Structures are given as C-alpha cells and as structure tokens.
C-alpha cells in the first residue's frame, strides 16, 4: 500500500498486468543494411531515444513502406502514450 494517494481514490488497490489494461506493442528497427527499407523516406520512424522529446510531432528518421512491411516496426495512432 503506497504511503501517498490522491484523496479521490479510496478503494482497495488492485494488482494488474499492464497488458490487461493497455495495448502493449513492441517494435523494431528495419535493417540499416537494406537501402530500400529507408529509401524513399516515407513513414515516421521513432528511435527509442526520442521518447525524451515528451511530445513527438515528427521523427528524426523515416522508413519506406517496404521497411515497414518487412520488419517488426509498427504504426501507432496519433495521441498514443509511449513508454
């Protein structure tokens, strides 16, 4: 039980797994050795370090449609919360 709680929350604590209350996705980096994955630069691709930007309006790099289709990279909806 935490020592500090918002006064509006007085129900008992529940332990839950993140996957039970949120949509969890993991992504990946298309191989940088495959030129066609990065050219033409069409789709925003976010490196994990960019999470420090707080609000992301654009990304430092972009991948191609082929890079998205042939890798584990994922598209997330606008206004998503990324951790």
PDB file of N, CA and C in Angstrom:
ATOM      1  N   UNK A   1       0.851  -1.182   0.000  1.00  0.00           N
ATOM      2  CA  UNK A   1       0.000   0.000   0.000  1.00  0.00           C
ATOM      3  C   UNK A   1       0.891   1.238   0.000  1.00  0.00           C
ATOM      4  N   UNK A   2       0.726   2.104  -0.990  1.00  0.00           N
ATOM      5  CA  UNK A   2       1.529   3.330  -1.031  1.00  0.00           C
ATOM      6  C   UNK A   2       1.224   4.240   0.160  1.00  0.00           C
ATOM      7  N   UNK A   3       2.189   5.042   0.509  1.00  0.00           N
ATOM      8  CA  UNK A   3       2.011   5.971   1.614  1.00  0.00           C
ATOM      9  C   UNK A   3       1.238   7.214   1.182  1.00  0.00           C
ATOM     10  N   UNK A   4       1.246   7.530  -0.111  1.00  0.00           N
ATOM     11  CA  UNK A   4       0.581   8.723  -0.619  1.00  0.00           C
ATOM     12  C   UNK A   4      -0.431   8.330  -1.689  1.00  0.00           C
ATOM     13  N   UNK A   5      -1.652   8.794  -1.537  1.00  0.00           N
ATOM     14  CA  UNK A   5      -2.710   8.539  -2.524  1.00  0.00           C
ATOM     15  C   UNK A   5      -3.498   9.813  -2.729  1.00  0.00           C
ATOM     16  N   UNK A   6      -4.077   9.956  -3.920  1.00  0.00           N
ATOM     17  CA  UNK A   6      -4.993  11.057  -4.154  1.00  0.00           C
ATOM     18  C   UNK A   6      -6.245  10.805  -3.328  1.00  0.00           C
ATOM     19  N   UNK A   7      -6.790  11.839  -2.747  1.00  0.00           N
ATOM     20  CA  UNK A   7      -7.927  11.664  -1.845  1.00  0.00           C
ATOM     21  C   UNK A   7      -9.149  11.061  -2.533  1.00  0.00           C
ATOM     22  N   UNK A   8      -9.258  11.226  -3.864  1.00  0.00           N
ATOM     23  CA  UNK A   8     -10.401  10.681  -4.590  1.00  0.00           C
ATOM     24  C   UNK A   8     -10.371   9.149  -4.675  1.00  0.00           C
ATOM     25  N   UNK A   9      -9.204   8.565  -4.443  1.00  0.00           N
ATOM     26  CA  UNK A   9      -9.040   7.120  -4.579  1.00  0.00           C
ATOM     27  C   UNK A   9      -8.972   6.479  -3.196  1.00  0.00           C
ATOM     28  N   UNK A  10     -10.059   5.838  -2.824  1.00  0.00           N
ATOM     29  CA  UNK A  10     -10.058   5.210  -1.505  1.00  0.00           C
ATOM     30  C   UNK A  10     -10.416   3.722  -1.568  1.00  0.00           C
ATOM     31  N   UNK A  11     -10.615   3.192  -2.775  1.00  0.00           N
ATOM     32  CA  UNK A  11     -10.887   1.762  -2.911  1.00  0.00           C
ATOM     33  C   UNK A  11      -9.611   0.954  -2.696  1.00  0.00           C
ATOM     34  N   UNK A  12      -9.771  -0.314  -2.491  1.00  0.00           N
ATOM     35  CA  UNK A  12      -8.623  -1.191  -2.301  1.00  0.00           C
ATOM     36  C   UNK A  12      -7.772  -1.223  -3.574  1.00  0.00           C
ATOM     37  N   UNK A  13      -6.474  -1.371  -3.397  1.00  0.00           N
ATOM     38  CA  UNK A  13      -5.553  -1.464  -4.521  1.00  0.00           C
ATOM     39  C   UNK A  13      -5.754  -2.798  -5.228  1.00  0.00           C
ATOM     40  N   UNK A  14      -5.615  -2.756  -6.533  1.00  0.00           N
ATOM     41  CA  UNK A  14      -5.670  -3.969  -7.336  1.00  0.00           C
ATOM     42  C   UNK A  14      -4.352  -4.113  -8.082  1.00  0.00           C
ATOM     43  N   UNK A  15      -3.836  -5.312  -8.118  1.00  0.00           N
ATOM     44  CA  UNK A  15      -2.619  -5.578  -8.876  1.00  0.00           C
ATOM     45  C   UNK A  15      -3.040  -6.099 -10.247  1.00  0.00           C
ATOM     46  N   UNK A  16      -2.553  -5.440 -11.295  1.00  0.00           N
ATOM     47  CA  UNK A  16      -2.887  -5.827 -12.659  1.00  0.00           C
ATOM     48  C   UNK A  16      -1.636  -5.807 -13.510  1.00  0.00           C
ATOM     49  N   UNK A  17      -1.648  -6.594 -14.544  1.00  0.00           N
ATOM     50  CA  UNK A  17      -0.573  -6.573 -15.522  1.00  0.00           C
ATOM     51  C   UNK A  17      -0.875  -5.468 -16.529  1.00  0.00           C
ATOM     52  N   UNK A  18       0.157  -4.805 -16.992  1.00  0.00           N
ATOM     53  CA  UNK A  18      -0.028  -3.714 -17.950  1.00  0.00           C
ATOM     54  C   UNK A  18      -0.804  -4.200 -19.169  1.00  0.00           C
ATOM     55  N   UNK A  19      -0.495  -5.401 -19.641  1.00  0.00           N
ATOM     56  CA  UNK A  19      -1.171  -5.907 -20.841  1.00  0.00           C
ATOM     57  C   UNK A  19      -2.673  -6.070 -20.646  1.00  0.00           C
ATOM     58  N   UNK A  20      -3.136  -6.118 -19.384  1.00  0.00           N
ATOM     59  CA  UNK A  20      -4.564  -6.264 -19.109  1.00  0.00           C
ATOM     60  C   UNK A  20      -5.315  -4.923 -19.124  1.00  0.00           C
ATOM     61  N   UNK A  21      -4.583  -3.815 -19.100  1.00  0.00           N
ATOM     62  CA  UNK A  21      -5.241  -2.506 -19.071  1.00  0.00           C
ATOM     63  C   UNK A  21      -4.787  -1.585 -20.203  1.00  0.00           C
ATOM     64  N   UNK A  22      -3.838  -2.060 -21.022  1.00  0.00           N
ATOM     65  CA  UNK A  22      -3.332  -1.224 -22.115  1.00  0.00           C
ATOM     66  C   UNK A  22      -2.980  -2.090 -23.315  1.00  0.00           C
ATOM     67  N   UNK A  23      -2.900  -1.452 -24.462  1.00  0.00           N
ATOM     68  CA  UNK A  23      -2.482  -2.128 -25.678  1.00  0.00           C
ATOM     69  C   UNK A  23      -0.961  -2.037 -25.733  1.00  0.00           C
ATOM     70  N   UNK A  24      -0.287  -3.151 -25.534  1.00  0.00           N
ATOM     71  CA  UNK A  24       1.172  -3.173 -25.486  1.00  0.00           C
ATOM     72  C   UNK A  24       1.704  -3.627 -26.839  1.00  0.00           C
ATOM     73  N   UNK A  25       2.600  -2.825 -27.395  1.00  0.00           N
ATOM     74  CA  UNK A  25       3.248  -3.160 -28.663  1.00  0.00           C
ATOM     75  C   UNK A  25       4.744  -2.994 -28.503  1.00  0.00           C
ATOM     76  N   UNK A  26       5.470  -3.837 -29.180  1.00  0.00           N
ATOM     77  CA  UNK A  26       6.910  -3.635 -29.293  1.00  0.00           C
ATOM     78  C   UNK A  26       7.210  -3.512 -30.767  1.00  0.00           C
ATOM     79  N   UNK A  27       8.218  -2.783 -31.075  1.00  0.00           N
ATOM     80  CA  UNK A  27       8.571  -2.585 -32.470  1.00  0.00           C
ATOM     81  C   UNK A  27      10.000  -3.008 -32.722  1.00  0.00           C
ATOM     82  N   UNK A  28      10.509  -2.598 -33.837  1.00  0.00           N
ATOM     83  CA  UNK A  28      11.871  -2.955 -34.173  1.00  0.00           C
ATOM     84  C   UNK A  28      12.430  -2.018 -35.220  1.00  0.00           C
ATOM     85  N   UNK A  29      13.697  -2.152 -35.427  1.00  0.00           N
ATOM     86  CA  UNK A  29      14.396  -1.327 -36.392  1.00  0.00           C
ATOM     87  C   UNK A  29      14.585  -2.101 -37.685  1.00  0.00           C
ATOM     88  N   UNK A  30      14.094  -1.572 -38.795  1.00  0.00           N
ATOM     89  CA  UNK A  30      14.395  -2.214 -40.074  1.00  0.00           C
ATOM     90  C   UNK A  30      15.918  -2.217 -40.286  1.00  0.00           C
ATOM     91  N   UNK A  31      16.424  -3.237 -40.880  1.00  0.00           N
ATOM     92  CA  UNK A  31      17.867  -3.340 -41.088  1.00  0.00           C
ATOM     93  C   UNK A  31      18.403  -2.113 -41.811  1.00  0.00           C
ATOM     94  N   UNK A  32      19.417  -1.513 -41.230  1.00  0.00           N
ATOM     95  CA  UNK A  32      20.042  -0.353 -41.867  1.00  0.00           C
ATOM     96  C   UNK A  32      20.933  -0.779 -43.029  1.00  0.00           C
ATOM     97  N   UNK A  33      21.166  -2.072 -43.167  1.00  0.00           N
ATOM     98  CA  UNK A  33      21.976  -2.586 -44.279  1.00  0.00           C
ATOM     99  C   UNK A  33      21.162  -2.685 -45.566  1.00  0.00           C
ATOM    100  N   UNK A  34      19.836  -2.611 -45.458  1.00  0.00           N
ATOM    101  CA  UNK A  34      18.981  -2.720 -46.634  1.00  0.00           C
ATOM    102  C   UNK A  34      18.495  -1.321 -47.019  1.00  0.00           C
ATOM    103  N   UNK A  35      19.085  -0.801 -48.060  1.00  0.00           N
ATOM    104  CA  UNK A  35      18.812   0.565 -48.521  1.00  0.00           C
ATOM    105  C   UNK A  35      17.322   0.809 -48.739  1.00  0.00           C
ATOM    106  N   UNK A  36      16.634  -0.160 -49.328  1.00  0.00           N
ATOM    107  CA  UNK A  36      15.211   0.006 -49.662  1.00  0.00           C
ATOM    108  C   UNK A  36      14.316   0.120 -48.425  1.00  0.00           C
ATOM    109  N   UNK A  37      14.799  -0.232 -47.251  1.00  0.00           N
ATOM    110  CA  UNK A  37      13.996  -0.092 -46.028  1.00  0.00           C
ATOM    111  C   UNK A  37      13.942   1.356 -45.551  1.00  0.00           C
ATOM    112  N   UNK A  38      14.886   2.159 -46.017  1.00  0.00           N
ATOM    113  CA  UNK A  38      14.987   3.542 -45.556  1.00  0.00           C
ATOM    114  C   UNK A  38      14.772   4.558 -46.676  1.00  0.00           C
ATOM    115  N   UNK A  39      14.700   4.083 -47.895  1.00  0.00           N
ATOM    116  CA  UNK A  39      14.536   4.956 -49.054  1.00  0.00           C
ATOM    117  C   UNK A  39      13.501   4.387 -49.997  1.00  0.00           C
ATOM    118  N   UNK A  40      12.517   5.154 -50.401  1.00  0.00           N
ATOM    119  CA  UNK A  40      12.335   6.567 -50.050  1.00  0.00           C
ATOM    120  C   UNK A  40      11.881   6.738 -48.595  1.00  0.00           C
ATOM    121  N   UNK A  41      12.196   7.874 -48.021  1.00  0.00           N
ATOM    122  CA  UNK A  41      11.817   8.204 -46.637  1.00  0.00           C
ATOM    123  C   UNK A  41      10.356   8.620 -46.622  1.00  0.00           C
ATOM    124  N   UNK A  42       9.467   7.716 -46.178  1.00  0.00           N
ATOM    125  CA  UNK A  42       8.025   7.961 -46.294  1.00  0.00           C
ATOM    126  C   UNK A  42       7.273   7.979 -44.970  1.00  0.00           C
ATOM    127  N   UNK A  43       7.695   7.149 -44.025  1.00  0.00           N
ATOM    128  CA  UNK A  43       6.916   6.925 -42.801  1.00  0.00           C
ATOM    129  C   UNK A  43       7.786   7.280 -41.593  1.00  0.00           C
ATOM    130  N   UNK A  44       7.236   8.094 -40.695  1.00  0.00           N
ATOM    131  CA  UNK A  44       7.990   8.439 -39.483  1.00  0.00           C
ATOM    132  C   UNK A  44       8.409   7.174 -38.751  1.00  0.00           C
ATOM    133  N   UNK A  45       9.670   7.131 -38.334  1.00  0.00           N
ATOM    134  CA  UNK A  45      10.198   6.012 -37.551  1.00  0.00           C
ATOM    135  C   UNK A  45      10.869   6.602 -36.324  1.00  0.00           C
ATOM    136  N   UNK A  46      10.436   6.183 -35.165  1.00  0.00           N
ATOM    137  CA  UNK A  46      10.914   6.764 -33.916  1.00  0.00           C
ATOM    138  C   UNK A  46      11.907   5.854 -33.226  1.00  0.00           C
ATOM    139  N   UNK A  47      13.079   6.369 -32.981  1.00  0.00           N
ATOM    140  CA  UNK A  47      14.083   5.654 -32.192  1.00  0.00           C
ATOM    141  C   UNK A  47      13.691   5.752 -30.721  1.00  0.00           C
ATOM    142  N   UNK A  48      14.067   4.765 -29.937  1.00  0.00           N
ATOM    143  CA  UNK A  48      13.689   4.758 -28.519  1.00  0.00           C
ATOM    144  C   UNK A  48      14.169   6.003 -27.783  1.00  0.00           C
ATOM    145  N   UNK A  49      15.287   6.572 -28.177  1.00  0.00           N
ATOM    146  CA  UNK A  49      15.809   7.773 -27.528  1.00  0.00           C
ATOM    147  C   UNK A  49      14.923   8.989 -27.709  1.00  0.00           C
ATOM    148  N   UNK A  50      14.082   8.973 -28.735  1.00  0.00           N
ATOM    149  CA  UNK A  50      13.212  10.118 -28.994  1.00  0.00           C
ATOM    150  C   UNK A  50      12.076  10.231 -27.984  1.00  0.00           C
ATOM    151  N   UNK A  51      11.893   9.216 -27.157  1.00  0.00           N
ATOM    152  CA  UNK A  51      10.846   9.256 -26.124  1.00  0.00           C
ATOM    153  C   UNK A  51      11.097  10.440 -25.183  1.00  0.00           C
ATOM    154  N   UNK A  52      12.342  10.882 -25.108  1.00  0.00           N
ATOM    155  CA  UNK A  52      12.698  12.007 -24.237  1.00  0.00           C
ATOM    156  C   UNK A  52      12.194  13.352 -24.761  1.00  0.00           C
ATOM    157  N   UNK A  53      11.672  13.376 -25.976  1.00  0.00           N
ATOM    158  CA  UNK A  53      11.144  14.632 -26.531  1.00  0.00           C
ATOM    159  C   UNK A  53       9.854  15.067 -25.828  1.00  0.00           C
ATOM    160  N   UNK A  54       9.238  14.183 -25.118  1.00  0.00           N
ATOM    161  CA  UNK A  54       7.968  14.378 -24.425  1.00  0.00           C
ATOM    162  C   UNK A  54       6.796  14.391 -25.391  1.00  0.00           C
ATOM    163  N   UNK A  55       6.735  15.375 -26.281  1.00  0.00           N
ATOM    164  CA  UNK A  55       5.708  15.415 -27.312  1.00  0.00           C
ATOM    165  C   UNK A  55       6.414  15.208 -28.649  1.00  0.00           C
ATOM    166  N   UNK A  56       5.889  14.309 -29.446  1.00  0.00           N
ATOM    167  CA  UNK A  56       6.544  13.991 -30.712  1.00  0.00           C
ATOM    168  C   UNK A  56       5.632  14.421 -31.862  1.00  0.00           C
ATOM    169  N   UNK A  57       6.103  15.379 -32.610  1.00  0.00           N
ATOM    170  CA  UNK A  57       5.346  15.869 -33.756  1.00  0.00           C
ATOM    171  C   UNK A  57       5.938  15.344 -35.061  1.00  0.00           C
ATOM    172  N   UNK A  58       7.215  15.036 -35.043  1.00  0.00           N
ATOM    173  CA  UNK A  58       7.869  14.386 -36.167  1.00  0.00           C
ATOM    174  C   UNK A  58       9.085  13.634 -35.632  1.00  0.00           C
ATOM    175  N   UNK A  59       9.644  12.799 -36.440  1.00  0.00           N
ATOM    176  CA  UNK A  59      10.762  11.972 -36.001  1.00  0.00           C
ATOM    177  C   UNK A  59      12.030  12.359 -36.751  1.00  0.00           C
ATOM    178  N   UNK A  60      13.165  11.955 -36.191  1.00  0.00           N
ATOM    179  CA  UNK A  60      14.439  12.273 -36.822  1.00  0.00           C
ATOM    180  C   UNK A  60      14.653  11.463 -38.094  1.00  0.00           C
ATOM    181  N   UNK A  61      14.082  10.265 -38.155  1.00  0.00           N
ATOM    182  CA  UNK A  61      14.272   9.395 -39.314  1.00  0.00           C
ATOM    183  C   UNK A  61      12.929   8.923 -39.849  1.00  0.00           C
ATOM    184  N   UNK A  62      12.963   8.474 -41.076  1.00  0.00           N
ATOM    185  CA  UNK A  62      11.776   7.909 -41.717  1.00  0.00           C
ATOM    186  C   UNK A  62      12.183   6.618 -42.413  1.00  0.00           C
ATOM    187  N   UNK A  63      11.220   5.706 -42.534  1.00  0.00           N
ATOM    188  CA  UNK A  63      11.460   4.464 -43.254  1.00  0.00           C
ATOM    189  C   UNK A  63      10.559   4.416 -44.483  1.00  0.00           C
ATOM    190  N   UNK A  64      10.813   3.460 -45.334  1.00  0.00           N
ATOM    191  CA  UNK A  64       9.982   3.275 -46.522  1.00  0.00           C
ATOM    192  C   UNK A  64       8.817   2.342 -46.196  1.00  0.00           C
ATOM    193  N   UNK A  65       7.860   2.277 -47.102  1.00  0.00           N
ATOM    194  CA  UNK A  65       6.752   1.335 -46.929  1.00  0.00           C
ATOM    195  C   UNK A  65       7.276  -0.096 -46.872  1.00  0.00           C
ATOM    196  N   UNK A  66       8.281  -0.379 -47.674  1.00  0.00           N
ATOM    197  CA  UNK A  66       8.886  -1.722 -47.671  1.00  0.00           C
ATOM    198  C   UNK A  66       9.539  -2.003 -46.319  1.00  0.00           C
ATOM    199  N   UNK A  67      10.193  -1.010 -45.749  1.00  0.00           N
ATOM    200  CA  UNK A  67      10.820  -1.169 -44.434  1.00  0.00           C
ATOM    201  C   UNK A  67       9.791  -1.491 -43.361  1.00  0.00           C
ATOM    202  N   UNK A  68       8.609  -0.899 -43.473  1.00  0.00           N
ATOM    203  CA  UNK A  68       7.536  -1.187 -42.524  1.00  0.00           C
ATOM    204  C   UNK A  68       6.995  -2.593 -42.729  1.00  0.00           C
ATOM    205  N   UNK A  69       6.764  -2.951 -43.964  1.00  0.00           N
ATOM    206  CA  UNK A  69       6.165  -4.251 -44.277  1.00  0.00           C
ATOM    207  C   UNK A  69       7.076  -5.428 -43.950  1.00  0.00           C
ATOM    208  N   UNK A  70       8.370  -5.243 -44.083  1.00  0.00           N
ATOM    209  CA  UNK A  70       9.297  -6.368 -43.956  1.00  0.00           C
ATOM    210  C   UNK A  70      10.116  -6.346 -42.662  1.00  0.00           C
ATOM    211  N   UNK A  71       9.644  -5.608 -41.676  1.00  0.00           N
ATOM    212  CA  UNK A  71      10.337  -5.573 -40.376  1.00  0.00           C
ATOM    213  C   UNK A  71       9.303  -5.651 -39.265  1.00  0.00           C
ATOM    214  N   UNK A  72       9.772  -5.583 -38.037  1.00  0.00           N
ATOM    215  CA  UNK A  72       8.843  -5.616 -36.899  1.00  0.00           C
ATOM    216  C   UNK A  72       8.430  -4.211 -36.455  1.00  0.00           C
ATOM    217  N   UNK A  73       8.751  -3.203 -37.263  1.00  0.00           N
ATOM    218  CA  UNK A  73       8.304  -1.834 -36.965  1.00  0.00           C
ATOM    219  C   UNK A  73       6.775  -1.797 -36.975  1.00  0.00           C
ATOM    220  N   UNK A  74       6.201  -0.935 -36.155  1.00  0.00           N
ATOM    221  CA  UNK A  74       4.745  -0.830 -36.032  1.00  0.00           C
ATOM    222  C   UNK A  74       4.310   0.623 -36.192  1.00  0.00           C
ATOM    223  N   UNK A  75       3.084   0.807 -36.639  1.00  0.00           N
ATOM    224  CA  UNK A  75       2.449   2.126 -36.686  1.00  0.00           C
ATOM    225  C   UNK A  75       1.618   2.276 -35.422  1.00  0.00           C
ATOM    226  N   UNK A  76       1.738   3.409 -34.758  1.00  0.00           N
ATOM    227  CA  UNK A  76       0.871   3.698 -33.610  1.00  0.00           C
ATOM    228  C   UNK A  76       0.000   4.897 -33.968  1.00  0.00           C
ATOM    229  N   UNK A  77      -1.171   4.932 -33.384  1.00  0.00           N
ATOM    230  CA  UNK A  77      -2.123   6.016 -33.660  1.00  0.00           C
ATOM    231  C   UNK A  77      -1.619   7.335 -33.068  1.00  0.00           C
ATOM    232  N   UNK A  78      -2.053   8.432 -33.679  1.00  0.00           N
ATOM    233  CA  UNK A  78      -1.779   9.745 -33.108  1.00  0.00           C
ATOM    234  C   UNK A  78      -2.319   9.802 -31.686  1.00  0.00           C
ATOM    235  N   UNK A  79      -1.685  10.595 -30.853  1.00  0.00           N
ATOM    236  CA  UNK A  79      -2.072  10.804 -29.459  1.00  0.00           C
ATOM    237  C   UNK A  79      -1.897   9.567 -28.586  1.00  0.00           C
ATOM    238  N   UNK A  80      -1.081   8.627 -29.021  1.00  0.00           N
ATOM    239  CA  UNK A  80      -0.782   7.451 -28.195  1.00  0.00           C
ATOM    240  C   UNK A  80       0.207   7.829 -27.103  1.00  0.00           C
ATOM    241  N   UNK A  81       0.169   7.095 -26.009  1.00  0.00           N
ATOM    242  CA  UNK A  81       1.130   7.273 -24.937  1.00  0.00           C
ATOM    243  C   UNK A  81       2.219   6.231 -25.135  1.00  0.00           C
ATOM    244  N   UNK A  82       3.449   6.686 -25.231  1.00  0.00           N
ATOM    245  CA  UNK A  82       4.579   5.787 -25.451  1.00  0.00           C
ATOM    246  C   UNK A  82       5.471   5.794 -24.225  1.00  0.00           C
ATOM    247  N   UNK A  83       5.873   4.608 -23.825  1.00  0.00           N
ATOM    248  CA  UNK A  83       6.739   4.482 -22.653  1.00  0.00           C
ATOM    249  C   UNK A  83       7.979   3.719 -23.048  1.00  0.00           C
TER     250      UNK A  83
END
